[in-house]
């Protein structure tokens, strides 16, 4: 569905894309690990949202609410939530 999605799912995870609202796609991150707390069912979390017409990505407030627009280069493969680093941290992680 999303041809230019730049991230590759981490080991043990996969992405899925679904129409959320008119003109908005919700991107899910699925974990393939089994957890005891939910009787072994696999879990998923919202990665973020995408508007195909404008090719813009948005961070999630939660799985039902679109947040602020984000620069796709500031996101990671686990979430569209941008990482805010201190100047010292950015020297090591950028």
PDB file of N, CA and C in Angstrom:
ATOM      1  N   UNK A   1       0.823  -1.191   0.000  1.00  0.00           N
ATOM      2  CA  UNK A   1       0.000   0.000   0.000  1.00  0.00           C
ATOM      3  C   UNK A   1       0.868   1.257   0.000  1.00  0.00           C
ATOM      4  N   UNK A   2       1.829   1.360   0.920  1.00  0.00           N
ATOM      5  CA  UNK A   2       2.690   2.540   0.974  1.00  0.00           C
ATOM      6  C   UNK A   2       4.007   2.186   0.296  1.00  0.00           C
ATOM      7  N   UNK A   3       4.211   2.758  -0.856  1.00  0.00           N
ATOM      8  CA  UNK A   3       5.380   2.420  -1.647  1.00  0.00           C
ATOM      9  C   UNK A   3       6.644   3.033  -1.064  1.00  0.00           C
ATOM     10  N   UNK A   4       6.558   4.258  -0.563  1.00  0.00           N
ATOM     11  CA  UNK A   4       7.768   4.953  -0.133  1.00  0.00           C
ATOM     12  C   UNK A   4       7.939   4.994   1.387  1.00  0.00           C
ATOM     13  N   UNK A   5       7.339   4.057   2.121  1.00  0.00           N
ATOM     14  CA  UNK A   5       7.529   4.013   3.571  1.00  0.00           C
ATOM     15  C   UNK A   5       8.983   3.652   3.836  1.00  0.00           C
ATOM     16  N   UNK A   6       9.743   4.527   4.503  1.00  0.00           N
ATOM     17  CA  UNK A   6      11.193   4.357   4.566  1.00  0.00           C
ATOM     18  C   UNK A   6      11.707   3.365   5.603  1.00  0.00           C
ATOM     19  N   UNK A   7      10.868   2.955   6.535  1.00  0.00           N
ATOM     20  CA  UNK A   7      11.354   2.099   7.612  1.00  0.00           C
ATOM     21  C   UNK A   7      11.181   0.619   7.296  1.00  0.00           C
ATOM     22  N   UNK A   8      12.084  -0.163   7.829  1.00  0.00           N
ATOM     23  CA  UNK A   8      11.996  -1.611   7.772  1.00  0.00           C
ATOM     24  C   UNK A   8      11.608  -2.082   9.160  1.00  0.00           C
ATOM     25  N   UNK A   9      10.679  -3.002   9.237  1.00  0.00           N
ATOM     26  CA  UNK A   9      10.225  -3.490  10.540  1.00  0.00           C
ATOM     27  C   UNK A   9      11.386  -4.149  11.286  1.00  0.00           C
ATOM     28  N   UNK A  10      11.493  -3.896  12.593  1.00  0.00           N
ATOM     29  CA  UNK A  10      12.542  -4.547  13.389  1.00  0.00           C
ATOM     30  C   UNK A  10      12.345  -6.062  13.399  1.00  0.00           C
ATOM     31  N   UNK A  11      13.375  -6.809  13.764  1.00  0.00           N
ATOM     32  CA  UNK A  11      13.253  -8.262  13.854  1.00  0.00           C
ATOM     33  C   UNK A  11      12.130  -8.623  14.822  1.00  0.00           C
ATOM     34  N   UNK A  12      11.268  -9.546  14.415  1.00  0.00           N
ATOM     35  CA  UNK A  12      10.162  -9.974  15.262  1.00  0.00           C
ATOM     36  C   UNK A  12       8.940  -9.088  15.172  1.00  0.00           C
ATOM     37  N   UNK A  13       8.934  -8.126  14.245  1.00  0.00           N
ATOM     38  CA  UNK A  13       7.815  -7.204  14.078  1.00  0.00           C
ATOM     39  C   UNK A  13       7.441  -7.121  12.602  1.00  0.00           C
ATOM     40  N   UNK A  14       6.247  -6.599  12.356  1.00  0.00           N
ATOM     41  CA  UNK A  14       5.821  -6.316  10.990  1.00  0.00           C
ATOM     42  C   UNK A  14       4.885  -5.111  11.019  1.00  0.00           C
ATOM     43  N   UNK A  15       4.712  -4.487   9.858  1.00  0.00           N
ATOM     44  CA  UNK A  15       3.810  -3.347   9.725  1.00  0.00           C
ATOM     45  C   UNK A  15       2.539  -3.785   9.008  1.00  0.00           C
ATOM     46  N   UNK A  16       1.460  -3.098   9.311  1.00  0.00           N
ATOM     47  CA  UNK A  16       0.246  -3.223   8.506  1.00  0.00           C
ATOM     48  C   UNK A  16      -0.338  -1.820   8.344  1.00  0.00           C
ATOM     49  N   UNK A  17      -1.067  -1.637   7.277  1.00  0.00           N
ATOM     50  CA  UNK A  17      -1.612  -0.334   6.924  1.00  0.00           C
ATOM     51  C   UNK A  17      -3.109  -0.484   6.718  1.00  0.00           C
ATOM     52  N   UNK A  18      -3.878   0.434   7.312  1.00  0.00           N
ATOM     53  CA  UNK A  18      -5.331   0.367   7.139  1.00  0.00           C
ATOM     54  C   UNK A  18      -5.892   1.765   6.957  1.00  0.00           C
ATOM     55  N   UNK A  19      -6.960   1.847   6.170  1.00  0.00           N
ATOM     56  CA  UNK A  19      -7.651   3.121   6.034  1.00  0.00           C
ATOM     57  C   UNK A  19      -8.240   3.480   7.386  1.00  0.00           C
ATOM     58  N   UNK A  20      -7.960   4.692   7.839  1.00  0.00           N
ATOM     59  CA  UNK A  20      -8.409   5.125   9.158  1.00  0.00           C
ATOM     60  C   UNK A  20      -9.609   6.052   9.029  1.00  0.00           C
ATOM     61  N   UNK A  21      -9.416   7.160   8.369  1.00  0.00           N
ATOM     62  CA  UNK A  21     -10.473   8.109   8.056  1.00  0.00           C
ATOM     63  C   UNK A  21     -10.264   8.525   6.619  1.00  0.00           C
ATOM     64  N   UNK A  22     -11.142   9.330   6.108  1.00  0.00           N
ATOM     65  CA  UNK A  22     -11.024   9.763   4.727  1.00  0.00           C
ATOM     66  C   UNK A  22      -9.666  10.430   4.492  1.00  0.00           C
ATOM     67  N   UNK A  23      -8.858   9.821   3.656  1.00  0.00           N
ATOM     68  CA  UNK A  23      -7.571  10.383   3.301  1.00  0.00           C
ATOM     69  C   UNK A  23      -6.458  10.152   4.304  1.00  0.00           C
ATOM     70  N   UNK A  24      -6.685   9.308   5.316  1.00  0.00           N
ATOM     71  CA  UNK A  24      -5.666   9.043   6.331  1.00  0.00           C
ATOM     72  C   UNK A  24      -5.475   7.538   6.476  1.00  0.00           C
ATOM     73  N   UNK A  25      -4.230   7.111   6.511  1.00  0.00           N
ATOM     74  CA  UNK A  25      -3.876   5.704   6.696  1.00  0.00           C
ATOM     75  C   UNK A  25      -3.235   5.551   8.070  1.00  0.00           C
ATOM     76  N   UNK A  26      -3.695   4.548   8.827  1.00  0.00           N
ATOM     77  CA  UNK A  26      -3.087   4.251  10.124  1.00  0.00           C
ATOM     78  C   UNK A  26      -2.062   3.145   9.917  1.00  0.00           C
ATOM     79  N   UNK A  27      -0.886   3.333  10.492  1.00  0.00           N
ATOM     80  CA  UNK A  27       0.205   2.364  10.362  1.00  0.00           C
ATOM     81  C   UNK A  27       0.382   1.665  11.707  1.00  0.00           C
ATOM     82  N   UNK A  28       0.232   0.344  11.705  1.00  0.00           N
ATOM     83  CA  UNK A  28       0.362  -0.466  12.911  1.00  0.00           C
ATOM     84  C   UNK A  28       1.706  -1.170  12.922  1.00  0.00           C
ATOM     85  N   UNK A  29       2.251  -1.346  14.110  1.00  0.00           N
ATOM     86  CA  UNK A  29       3.451  -2.151  14.312  1.00  0.00           C
ATOM     87  C   UNK A  29       3.032  -3.371  15.118  1.00  0.00           C
ATOM     88  N   UNK A  30       3.174  -4.556  14.529  1.00  0.00           N
ATOM     89  CA  UNK A  30       2.758  -5.811  15.169  1.00  0.00           C
ATOM     90  C   UNK A  30       3.967  -6.531  15.745  1.00  0.00           C
ATOM     91  N   UNK A  31       3.848  -6.954  16.987  1.00  0.00           N
ATOM     92  CA  UNK A  31       4.879  -7.768  17.623  1.00  0.00           C
ATOM     93  C   UNK A  31       4.532  -9.235  17.405  1.00  0.00           C
ATOM     94  N   UNK A  32       5.524 -10.049  17.072  1.00  0.00           N
ATOM     95  CA  UNK A  32       5.289 -11.472  16.851  1.00  0.00           C
ATOM     96  C   UNK A  32       5.687 -12.316  18.057  1.00  0.00           C
ATOM     97  N   UNK A  33       5.954 -11.641  19.180  1.00  0.00           N
ATOM     98  CA  UNK A  33       6.271 -12.357  20.411  1.00  0.00           C
ATOM     99  C   UNK A  33       4.968 -12.693  21.131  1.00  0.00           C
ATOM    100  N   UNK A  34       5.010 -13.737  21.929  1.00  0.00           N
ATOM    101  CA  UNK A  34       3.846 -14.088  22.723  1.00  0.00           C
ATOM    102  C   UNK A  34       4.088 -13.664  24.157  1.00  0.00           C
ATOM    103  N   UNK A  35       3.053 -13.120  24.781  1.00  0.00           N
ATOM    104  CA  UNK A  35       3.151 -12.629  26.145  1.00  0.00           C
ATOM    105  C   UNK A  35       2.161 -13.375  27.026  1.00  0.00           C
ATOM    106  N   UNK A  36       2.550 -13.621  28.261  1.00  0.00           N
ATOM    107  CA  UNK A  36       1.683 -14.334  29.190  1.00  0.00           C
ATOM    108  C   UNK A  36       0.469 -13.521  29.622  1.00  0.00           C
ATOM    109  N   UNK A  37       0.631 -12.207  29.706  1.00  0.00           N
ATOM    110  CA  UNK A  37      -0.453 -11.390  30.264  1.00  0.00           C
ATOM    111  C   UNK A  37      -1.702 -11.363  29.396  1.00  0.00           C
ATOM    112  N   UNK A  38      -1.597 -11.688  28.149  1.00  0.00           N
ATOM    113  CA  UNK A  38      -2.781 -11.686  27.279  1.00  0.00           C
ATOM    114  C   UNK A  38      -3.012 -13.053  26.639  1.00  0.00           C
ATOM    115  N   UNK A  39      -2.685 -14.075  27.372  1.00  0.00           N
ATOM    116  CA  UNK A  39      -2.912 -15.463  26.947  1.00  0.00           C
ATOM    117  C   UNK A  39      -2.208 -15.808  25.642  1.00  0.00           C
ATOM    118  N   UNK A  40      -1.073 -15.213  25.419  1.00  0.00           N
ATOM    119  CA  UNK A  40      -0.269 -15.549  24.252  1.00  0.00           C
ATOM    120  C   UNK A  40      -0.645 -14.833  22.974  1.00  0.00           C
ATOM    121  N   UNK A  41      -1.654 -13.977  23.025  1.00  0.00           N
ATOM    122  CA  UNK A  41      -2.055 -13.253  21.814  1.00  0.00           C
ATOM    123  C   UNK A  41      -0.967 -12.250  21.436  1.00  0.00           C
ATOM    124  N   UNK A  42      -0.806 -12.013  20.173  1.00  0.00           N
ATOM    125  CA  UNK A  42       0.177 -11.043  19.710  1.00  0.00           C
ATOM    126  C   UNK A  42      -0.353  -9.635  19.946  1.00  0.00           C
ATOM    127  N   UNK A  43       0.554  -8.704  20.122  1.00  0.00           N
ATOM    128  CA  UNK A  43       0.160  -7.328  20.397  1.00  0.00           C
ATOM    129  C   UNK A  43       0.501  -6.431  19.213  1.00  0.00           C
ATOM    130  N   UNK A  44      -0.138  -5.276  19.203  1.00  0.00           N
ATOM    131  CA  UNK A  44       0.168  -4.287  18.174  1.00  0.00           C
ATOM    132  C   UNK A  44       0.061  -2.905  18.801  1.00  0.00           C
ATOM    133  N   UNK A  45       0.787  -1.977  18.205  1.00  0.00           N
ATOM    134  CA  UNK A  45       0.712  -0.584  18.633  1.00  0.00           C
ATOM    135  C   UNK A  45       0.701   0.280  17.378  1.00  0.00           C
ATOM    136  N   UNK A  46       0.146   1.462  17.520  1.00  0.00           N
ATOM    137  CA  UNK A  46       0.085   2.340  16.365  1.00  0.00           C
ATOM    138  C   UNK A  46       1.458   2.978  16.163  1.00  0.00           C
ATOM    139  N   UNK A  47       1.995   2.861  14.956  1.00  0.00           N
ATOM    140  CA  UNK A  47       3.267   3.504  14.631  1.00  0.00           C
ATOM    141  C   UNK A  47       3.020   4.990  14.395  1.00  0.00           C
ATOM    142  N   UNK A  48       2.005   5.289  13.616  1.00  0.00           N
ATOM    143  CA  UNK A  48       1.686   6.674  13.284  1.00  0.00           C
ATOM    144  C   UNK A  48       0.638   6.710  12.188  1.00  0.00           C
ATOM    145  N   UNK A  49       0.516   7.859  11.542  1.00  0.00           N
ATOM    146  CA  UNK A  49      -0.488   8.063  10.498  1.00  0.00           C
ATOM    147  C   UNK A  49       0.172   8.678   9.273  1.00  0.00           C
ATOM    148  N   UNK A  50      -0.469   8.480   8.121  1.00  0.00           N
ATOM    149  CA  UNK A  50       0.065   8.980   6.850  1.00  0.00           C
ATOM    150  C   UNK A  50      -1.071   9.515   6.007  1.00  0.00           C
ATOM    151  N   UNK A  51      -0.847  10.671   5.376  1.00  0.00           N
ATOM    152  CA  UNK A  51      -1.807  11.236   4.426  1.00  0.00           C
ATOM    153  C   UNK A  51      -1.213  11.078   3.028  1.00  0.00           C
ATOM    154  N   UNK A  52      -1.745  10.140   2.253  1.00  0.00           N
ATOM    155  CA  UNK A  52      -1.168   9.869   0.931  1.00  0.00           C
ATOM    156  C   UNK A  52      -1.185  11.059  -0.027  1.00  0.00           C
ATOM    157  N   UNK A  53      -2.246  11.875   0.011  1.00  0.00           N
ATOM    158  CA  UNK A  53      -2.326  12.992  -0.927  1.00  0.00           C
ATOM    159  C   UNK A  53      -1.158  13.958  -0.772  1.00  0.00           C
ATOM    160  N   UNK A  54      -0.823  14.258   0.473  1.00  0.00           N
ATOM    161  CA  UNK A  54       0.261  15.207   0.729  1.00  0.00           C
ATOM    162  C   UNK A  54       1.580  14.508   1.044  1.00  0.00           C
ATOM    163  N   UNK A  55       1.538  13.177   1.181  1.00  0.00           N
ATOM    164  CA  UNK A  55       2.702  12.362   1.553  1.00  0.00           C
ATOM    165  C   UNK A  55       3.348  12.865   2.843  1.00  0.00           C
ATOM    166  N   UNK A  56       2.500  13.172   3.830  1.00  0.00           N
ATOM    167  CA  UNK A  56       2.975  13.651   5.124  1.00  0.00           C
ATOM    168  C   UNK A  56       2.656  12.623   6.199  1.00  0.00           C
ATOM    169  N   UNK A  57       3.563  12.528   7.176  1.00  0.00           N
ATOM    170  CA  UNK A  57       3.418  11.593   8.285  1.00  0.00           C
ATOM    171  C   UNK A  57       3.086  12.360   9.563  1.00  0.00           C
ATOM    172  N   UNK A  58       2.349  11.689  10.459  1.00  0.00           N
ATOM    173  CA  UNK A  58       1.898  12.308  11.694  1.00  0.00           C
ATOM    174  C   UNK A  58       2.139  11.359  12.859  1.00  0.00           C
ATOM    175  N   UNK A  59       2.559  11.927  13.979  1.00  0.00           N
ATOM    176  CA  UNK A  59       2.744  11.114  15.175  1.00  0.00           C
ATOM    177  C   UNK A  59       1.377  10.789  15.762  1.00  0.00           C
ATOM    178  N   UNK A  60       1.286   9.710  16.520  1.00  0.00           N
ATOM    179  CA  UNK A  60       0.004   9.387  17.142  1.00  0.00           C
ATOM    180  C   UNK A  60      -0.112  10.033  18.524  1.00  0.00           C
ATOM    181  N   UNK A  61      -1.315  10.491  18.859  1.00  0.00           N
ATOM    182  CA  UNK A  61      -1.620  10.846  20.241  1.00  0.00           C
ATOM    183  C   UNK A  61      -1.995   9.548  20.943  1.00  0.00           C
ATOM    184  N   UNK A  62      -2.822   8.775  20.270  1.00  0.00           N
ATOM    185  CA  UNK A  62      -3.153   7.402  20.639  1.00  0.00           C
ATOM    186  C   UNK A  62      -3.602   6.719  19.354  1.00  0.00           C
ATOM    187  N   UNK A  63      -4.128   5.526  19.437  1.00  0.00           N
ATOM    188  CA  UNK A  63      -4.464   4.794  18.208  1.00  0.00           C
ATOM    189  C   UNK A  63      -5.650   5.389  17.453  1.00  0.00           C
ATOM    190  N   UNK A  64      -6.374   6.309  18.078  1.00  0.00           N
ATOM    191  CA  UNK A  64      -7.555   6.892  17.432  1.00  0.00           C
ATOM    192  C   UNK A  64      -7.425   8.380  17.147  1.00  0.00           C
ATOM    193  N   UNK A  65      -6.271   8.963  17.500  1.00  0.00           N
ATOM    194  CA  UNK A  65      -6.108  10.406  17.346  1.00  0.00           C
ATOM    195  C   UNK A  65      -4.796  10.722  16.629  1.00  0.00           C
ATOM    196  N   UNK A  66      -4.920  11.488  15.544  1.00  0.00           N
ATOM    197  CA  UNK A  66      -3.753  11.916  14.779  1.00  0.00           C
ATOM    198  C   UNK A  66      -3.104  13.091  15.500  1.00  0.00           C
ATOM    199  N   UNK A  67      -1.783  13.032  15.654  1.00  0.00           N
ATOM    200  CA  UNK A  67      -1.042  14.093  16.323  1.00  0.00           C
ATOM    201  C   UNK A  67      -0.451  15.077  15.333  1.00  0.00           C
ATOM    202  N   UNK A  68       0.689  15.618  15.696  1.00  0.00           N
ATOM    203  CA  UNK A  68       1.354  16.640  14.890  1.00  0.00           C
ATOM    204  C   UNK A  68       2.117  16.026  13.729  1.00  0.00           C
ATOM    205  N   UNK A  69       2.276  16.832  12.696  1.00  0.00           N
ATOM    206  CA  UNK A  69       3.079  16.417  11.544  1.00  0.00           C
ATOM    207  C   UNK A  69       4.526  16.239  11.986  1.00  0.00           C
ATOM    208  N   UNK A  70       5.174  15.199  11.462  1.00  0.00           N
ATOM    209  CA  UNK A  70       6.567  14.928  11.796  1.00  0.00           C
ATOM    210  C   UNK A  70       7.384  14.793  10.518  1.00  0.00           C
ATOM    211  N   UNK A  71       8.648  15.127  10.627  1.00  0.00           N
ATOM    212  CA  UNK A  71       9.591  14.891   9.541  1.00  0.00           C
ATOM    213  C   UNK A  71       9.936  13.402   9.595  1.00  0.00           C
ATOM    214  N   UNK A  72       9.691  12.678   8.539  1.00  0.00           N
ATOM    215  CA  UNK A  72       9.896  11.229   8.533  1.00  0.00           C
ATOM    216  C   UNK A  72      11.334  10.871   8.894  1.00  0.00           C
ATOM    217  N   UNK A  73      12.275  11.758   8.631  1.00  0.00           N
ATOM    218  CA  UNK A  73      13.680  11.493   8.968  1.00  0.00           C
ATOM    219  C   UNK A  73      13.950  11.539  10.470  1.00  0.00           C
ATOM    220  N   UNK A  74      13.026  12.131  11.239  1.00  0.00           N
ATOM    221  CA  UNK A  74      13.215  12.196  12.686  1.00  0.00           C
ATOM    222  C   UNK A  74      12.466  11.077  13.408  1.00  0.00           C
ATOM    223  N   UNK A  75      11.878  10.161  12.659  1.00  0.00           N
ATOM    224  CA  UNK A  75      11.154   9.040  13.256  1.00  0.00           C
ATOM    225  C   UNK A  75      12.028   7.792  13.238  1.00  0.00           C
ATOM    226  N   UNK A  76      11.605   6.790  13.970  1.00  0.00           N
ATOM    227  CA  UNK A  76      12.320   5.520  14.020  1.00  0.00           C
ATOM    228  C   UNK A  76      11.379   4.403  13.593  1.00  0.00           C
ATOM    229  N   UNK A  77      11.912   3.222  13.416  1.00  0.00           N
ATOM    230  CA  UNK A  77      11.087   2.113  12.940  1.00  0.00           C
ATOM    231  C   UNK A  77      10.085   1.620  13.981  1.00  0.00           C
ATOM    232  N   UNK A  78      10.228   2.012  15.248  1.00  0.00           N
ATOM    233  CA  UNK A  78       9.271   1.606  16.274  1.00  0.00           C
ATOM    234  C   UNK A  78       8.116   2.589  16.437  1.00  0.00           C
ATOM    235  N   UNK A  79       8.310   3.866  16.085  1.00  0.00           N
ATOM    236  CA  UNK A  79       7.267   4.864  16.311  1.00  0.00           C
ATOM    237  C   UNK A  79       7.533   6.129  15.513  1.00  0.00           C
ATOM    238  N   UNK A  80       6.449   6.838  15.201  1.00  0.00           N
ATOM    239  CA  UNK A  80       6.567   8.133  14.539  1.00  0.00           C
ATOM    240  C   UNK A  80       6.807   9.249  15.544  1.00  0.00           C
ATOM    241  N   UNK A  81       6.811   8.915  16.827  1.00  0.00           N
ATOM    242  CA  UNK A  81       7.080   9.921  17.851  1.00  0.00           C
ATOM    243  C   UNK A  81       8.547  10.340  17.712  1.00  0.00           C
ATOM    244  N   UNK A  82       8.802  11.623  17.440  1.00  0.00           N
ATOM    245  CA  UNK A  82      10.194  12.051  17.285  1.00  0.00           C
ATOM    246  C   UNK A  82      10.949  11.962  18.604  1.00  0.00           C
ATOM    247  N   UNK A  83      12.192  11.589  18.524  1.00  0.00           N
ATOM    248  CA  UNK A  83      13.033  11.496  19.706  1.00  0.00           C
ATOM    249  C   UNK A  83      13.645  12.868  19.954  1.00  0.00           C
ATOM    250  N   UNK A  84      13.474  13.350  21.174  1.00  0.00           N
ATOM    251  CA  UNK A  84      14.041  14.646  21.552  1.00  0.00           C
ATOM    252  C   UNK A  84      15.293  14.384  22.377  1.00  0.00           C
ATOM    253  N   UNK A  85      16.425  14.711  21.801  1.00  0.00           N
ATOM    254  CA  UNK A  85      17.698  14.472  22.460  1.00  0.00           C
ATOM    255  C   UNK A  85      18.281  15.771  22.994  1.00  0.00           C
ATOM    256  N   UNK A  86      18.991  15.676  24.106  1.00  0.00           N
ATOM    257  CA  UNK A  86      19.749  16.814  24.607  1.00  0.00           C
ATOM    258  C   UNK A  86      20.950  17.009  23.683  1.00  0.00           C
ATOM    259  N   UNK A  87      21.591  18.164  23.723  1.00  0.00           N
ATOM    260  CA  UNK A  87      22.774  18.361  22.860  1.00  0.00           C
ATOM    261  C   UNK A  87      23.850  17.295  23.073  1.00  0.00           C
ATOM    262  N   UNK A  88      24.053  16.883  24.308  1.00  0.00           N
ATOM    263  CA  UNK A  88      25.060  15.862  24.579  1.00  0.00           C
ATOM    264  C   UNK A  88      24.634  14.510  23.986  1.00  0.00           C
ATOM    265  N   UNK A  89      23.368  14.154  24.149  1.00  0.00           N
ATOM    266  CA  UNK A  89      22.866  12.898  23.567  1.00  0.00           C
ATOM    267  C   UNK A  89      22.948  12.929  22.052  1.00  0.00           C
ATOM    268  N   UNK A  90      22.630  14.057  21.464  1.00  0.00           N
ATOM    269  CA  UNK A  90      22.650  14.127  19.995  1.00  0.00           C
ATOM    270  C   UNK A  90      24.057  13.949  19.435  1.00  0.00           C
ATOM    271  N   UNK A  91      25.070  14.306  20.207  1.00  0.00           N
ATOM    272  CA  UNK A  91      26.445  14.105  19.757  1.00  0.00           C
ATOM    273  C   UNK A  91      26.775  12.617  19.636  1.00  0.00           C
ATOM    274  N   UNK A  92      26.141  11.792  20.446  1.00  0.00           N
ATOM    275  CA  UNK A  92      26.396  10.359  20.425  1.00  0.00           C
ATOM    276  C   UNK A  92      25.469   9.575  19.504  1.00  0.00           C
ATOM    277  N   UNK A  93      24.249  10.047  19.313  1.00  0.00           N
ATOM    278  CA  UNK A  93      23.242   9.264  18.601  1.00  0.00           C
ATOM    279  C   UNK A  93      22.931   9.741  17.204  1.00  0.00           C
ATOM    280  N   UNK A  94      23.441  10.808  16.738  1.00  0.00           N
ATOM    281  CA  UNK A  94      23.115  11.317  15.402  1.00  0.00           C
ATOM    282  C   UNK A  94      24.106  10.843  14.378  1.00  0.00           C
TER     283      UNK A  94
END
